[in-house]
């Protein structure tokens, strides 16, 4: 077995001893930042290969992911944070109220997507987008309703729903 030779890390540019099993192939040292750069480099190379260009696109691959997620429920959900760290984070965030408001403003799209995913139980972008379109259409139908009747503006045709859909979901406590 050969002895490891000194190699220069492609990320931090410092010398390191490559593992004897990976001589000639190991280009990154074992520092956490360099390992992260190595992973990113490997993923970039994988995505650049022609056979992997459309790996995450198309109906076939969406169905493949749906089957995998159905067979592996709860895999993608993160464990809840420990109560001590959550309390510490919340109290630190409350001290600087402008940062909290700014964080909330920038996170609203993620909040909405997360809420839709939680309510619908979906995690694929295509499925969430379809749900968003459905919710938008439903909201538009509700906003066009006036006491159970379609309201037409600018000579629009009224939206006709199957019997009992929008009217049944309307609040029963509206005065006549």
Protein backbone atom coordinates (compact mmCIF):
# COMPACT_ATOMS: atom_id res chain seq x y z
CA UNK A 1 0.00 0.00 0.00
CA UNK A 2 1.31 3.43 -0.96
CA UNK A 3 1.86 6.13 1.61
CA UNK A 4 -0.34 9.20 1.23
CA UNK A 5 1.23 12.11 -0.60
CA UNK A 6 0.75 15.76 0.29
CA UNK A 7 -2.02 17.30 -1.84
CA UNK A 8 -3.30 20.86 -2.12
CA UNK A 9 -7.00 21.33 -1.26
CA UNK A 10 -8.96 22.91 -4.12
CA UNK A 11 -11.06 24.93 -1.68
CA UNK A 12 -8.77 26.24 1.07
CA UNK A 13 -5.51 25.76 -0.92
CA UNK A 14 -3.76 24.22 2.08
CA UNK A 15 -1.77 21.03 1.95
CA UNK A 16 -3.27 17.82 3.35
CA UNK A 17 -2.57 14.12 3.32
CA UNK A 18 -4.98 12.31 1.04
CA UNK A 19 -6.47 9.02 2.18
CA UNK A 20 -4.42 6.15 0.75
CA UNK A 21 -7.61 4.60 -0.71
CA UNK A 22 -8.33 7.80 -2.68
CA UNK A 23 -4.89 8.73 -3.92
CA UNK A 24 -5.17 10.64 -7.17
CA UNK A 25 -8.90 11.32 -6.67
CA UNK A 26 -9.20 13.21 -3.39
CA UNK A 27 -9.05 16.94 -4.11
CA UNK A 28 -10.52 18.40 -0.91
CA UNK A 29 -9.34 18.15 2.71
CA UNK A 30 -11.54 17.10 5.64
CA UNK A 31 -12.38 20.58 7.00
CA UNK A 32 -16.15 21.15 7.18
CA UNK A 33 -16.10 24.06 4.69
CA UNK A 34 -13.97 22.06 2.27
CA UNK A 35 -16.23 19.00 2.57
CA UNK A 36 -19.21 21.25 1.78
CA UNK A 37 -17.36 22.65 -1.26
CA UNK A 38 -16.55 19.08 -2.33
CA UNK A 39 -20.22 18.09 -2.12
CA UNK A 40 -21.27 21.17 -4.11
CA UNK A 41 -18.63 20.40 -6.74
CA UNK A 42 -19.78 16.77 -7.02
CA UNK A 43 -23.43 17.83 -7.39
CA UNK A 44 -22.49 20.43 -10.02
CA UNK A 45 -20.60 17.79 -12.03
CA UNK A 46 -23.50 15.34 -11.73
CA UNK A 47 -26.03 17.94 -12.95
CA UNK A 48 -23.83 18.87 -15.94
CA UNK A 49 -23.90 15.34 -17.37
CA UNK A 50 -26.33 15.09 -20.33
CA UNK A 51 -28.19 12.09 -18.91
CA UNK A 52 -28.95 14.04 -15.71
CA UNK A 53 -30.13 17.32 -17.30
CA UNK A 54 -33.84 16.59 -16.86
CA UNK A 55 -33.61 14.30 -13.84
CA UNK A 56 -35.85 16.51 -11.70
CA UNK A 57 -38.26 17.58 -14.48
CA UNK A 58 -41.20 16.05 -16.25
CA UNK A 59 -44.25 14.03 -15.30
CA UNK A 60 -42.36 10.73 -15.07
CA UNK A 61 -39.97 12.10 -12.47
CA UNK A 62 -42.75 13.87 -10.55
CA UNK A 63 -44.58 10.56 -10.31
CA UNK A 64 -41.34 8.82 -9.26
CA UNK A 65 -40.90 11.33 -6.44
CA UNK A 66 -44.57 11.01 -5.41
CA UNK A 67 -44.19 7.21 -5.15
CA UNK A 68 -41.00 7.56 -3.12
CA UNK A 69 -42.60 10.10 -0.76
CA UNK A 70 -45.67 7.89 -0.39
CA UNK A 71 -43.40 4.94 0.51
CA UNK A 72 -41.26 7.09 2.87
CA UNK A 73 -43.69 9.29 4.81
CA UNK A 74 -42.28 11.93 7.16
CA UNK A 75 -38.77 11.56 5.70
CA UNK A 76 -38.57 15.20 4.63
CA UNK A 77 -40.02 16.67 7.83
CA UNK A 78 -37.50 18.07 10.21
CA UNK A 79 -37.53 17.28 13.88
CA UNK A 80 -38.91 20.12 16.01
CA UNK A 81 -36.25 22.23 17.71
CA UNK A 82 -35.45 21.65 21.35
CA UNK A 83 -37.52 23.91 23.62
CA UNK A 84 -34.44 25.54 25.18
CA UNK A 85 -32.98 26.69 21.85
CA UNK A 86 -36.35 27.86 20.56
CA UNK A 87 -36.91 29.97 23.68
CA UNK A 88 -33.44 31.45 23.37
CA UNK A 89 -33.98 32.31 19.71
CA UNK A 90 -37.37 33.90 20.37
CA UNK A 91 -36.16 36.09 23.23
CA UNK A 92 -33.12 37.22 21.22
CA UNK A 93 -35.32 38.07 18.24
CA UNK A 94 -37.76 40.07 20.39
CA UNK A 95 -35.02 42.40 21.57
CA UNK A 96 -34.58 43.85 18.05
CA UNK A 97 -38.13 44.39 16.78
CA UNK A 98 -37.05 45.83 13.42
CA UNK A 99 -35.16 42.63 12.57
CA UNK A 100 -38.20 40.53 13.43
CA UNK A 101 -40.46 42.57 11.14
CA UNK A 102 -37.87 42.48 8.35
CA UNK A 103 -37.46 38.72 8.71
CA UNK A 104 -41.21 38.21 8.60
CA UNK A 105 -41.57 40.37 5.47
CA UNK A 106 -38.88 38.45 3.60
CA UNK A 107 -40.21 35.07 4.69
CA UNK A 108 -43.85 35.56 3.68
CA UNK A 109 -43.60 33.58 0.39
CA UNK A 110 -41.96 30.70 2.25
CA UNK A 111 -44.62 30.96 4.95
CA UNK A 112 -47.43 30.74 2.39
CA UNK A 113 -45.84 27.79 0.56
CA UNK A 114 -45.22 26.05 3.89
CA UNK A 115 -48.79 26.66 5.03
CA UNK A 116 -50.21 25.29 1.77
CA UNK A 117 -47.92 22.25 2.01
CA UNK A 118 -49.01 21.67 5.62
CA UNK A 119 -52.72 22.02 4.89
CA UNK A 120 -52.70 19.93 1.70
CA UNK A 121 -50.02 17.44 2.73
CA UNK A 122 -48.18 18.08 -0.56
CA UNK A 123 -44.48 18.82 -0.94
CA UNK A 124 -43.81 18.88 -4.70
CA UNK A 125 -43.69 22.30 -6.33
CA UNK A 126 -45.97 21.20 -9.18
CA UNK A 127 -48.60 19.96 -6.73
CA UNK A 128 -48.37 23.08 -4.56
CA UNK A 129 -48.66 25.30 -7.67
CA UNK A 130 -51.83 23.44 -8.71
CA UNK A 131 -53.23 23.90 -5.20
CA UNK A 132 -52.40 27.63 -5.28
CA UNK A 133 -54.22 28.02 -8.61
CA UNK A 134 -57.23 26.19 -7.18
CA UNK A 135 -57.21 28.35 -4.04
CA UNK A 136 -56.92 31.54 -6.09
CA UNK A 137 -59.84 30.52 -8.29
CA UNK A 138 -61.93 29.61 -5.26
CA UNK A 139 -61.11 32.93 -3.59
CA UNK A 140 -62.02 34.84 -6.74
CA UNK A 141 -65.34 32.99 -6.90
CA UNK A 142 -66.09 33.84 -3.28
CA UNK A 143 -65.15 37.50 -3.72
CA UNK A 144 -67.44 37.77 -6.76
CA UNK A 145 -70.41 36.40 -4.79
CA UNK A 146 -72.95 38.88 -3.42
CA UNK A 147 -75.37 37.19 -1.02
CA UNK A 148 -75.24 33.93 -2.89
CA UNK A 149 -75.48 35.39 -6.40
CA UNK A 150 -72.65 36.00 -8.87
CA UNK A 151 -71.62 39.63 -9.19
CA UNK A 152 -70.59 40.71 -12.71
CA UNK A 153 -68.26 43.66 -13.25
CA UNK A 154 -67.12 45.08 -16.58
CA UNK A 155 -69.46 42.78 -18.52
CA UNK A 156 -67.75 39.64 -17.24
CA UNK A 157 -69.65 36.43 -17.44
CA UNK A 158 -70.57 35.08 -14.01
CA UNK A 159 -68.65 32.06 -12.80
CA UNK A 160 -70.95 29.08 -12.63
CA UNK A 161 -69.99 26.48 -10.05
CA UNK A 162 -71.47 23.06 -9.52
CA UNK A 163 -74.55 23.33 -7.27
CA UNK A 164 -73.72 23.62 -3.59
CA UNK A 165 -70.00 24.37 -3.91
CA UNK A 166 -69.48 28.10 -3.34
CA UNK A 167 -72.87 28.82 -1.77
CA UNK A 168 -72.51 25.90 0.63
CA UNK A 169 -69.10 27.15 1.73
CA UNK A 170 -70.32 30.73 2.23
CA UNK A 171 -70.76 31.87 5.80
CA UNK A 172 -74.24 30.95 7.07
CA UNK A 173 -74.36 33.95 9.42
CA UNK A 174 -74.80 36.64 6.73
CA UNK A 175 -77.88 38.84 7.23
CA UNK A 176 -80.44 39.00 4.40
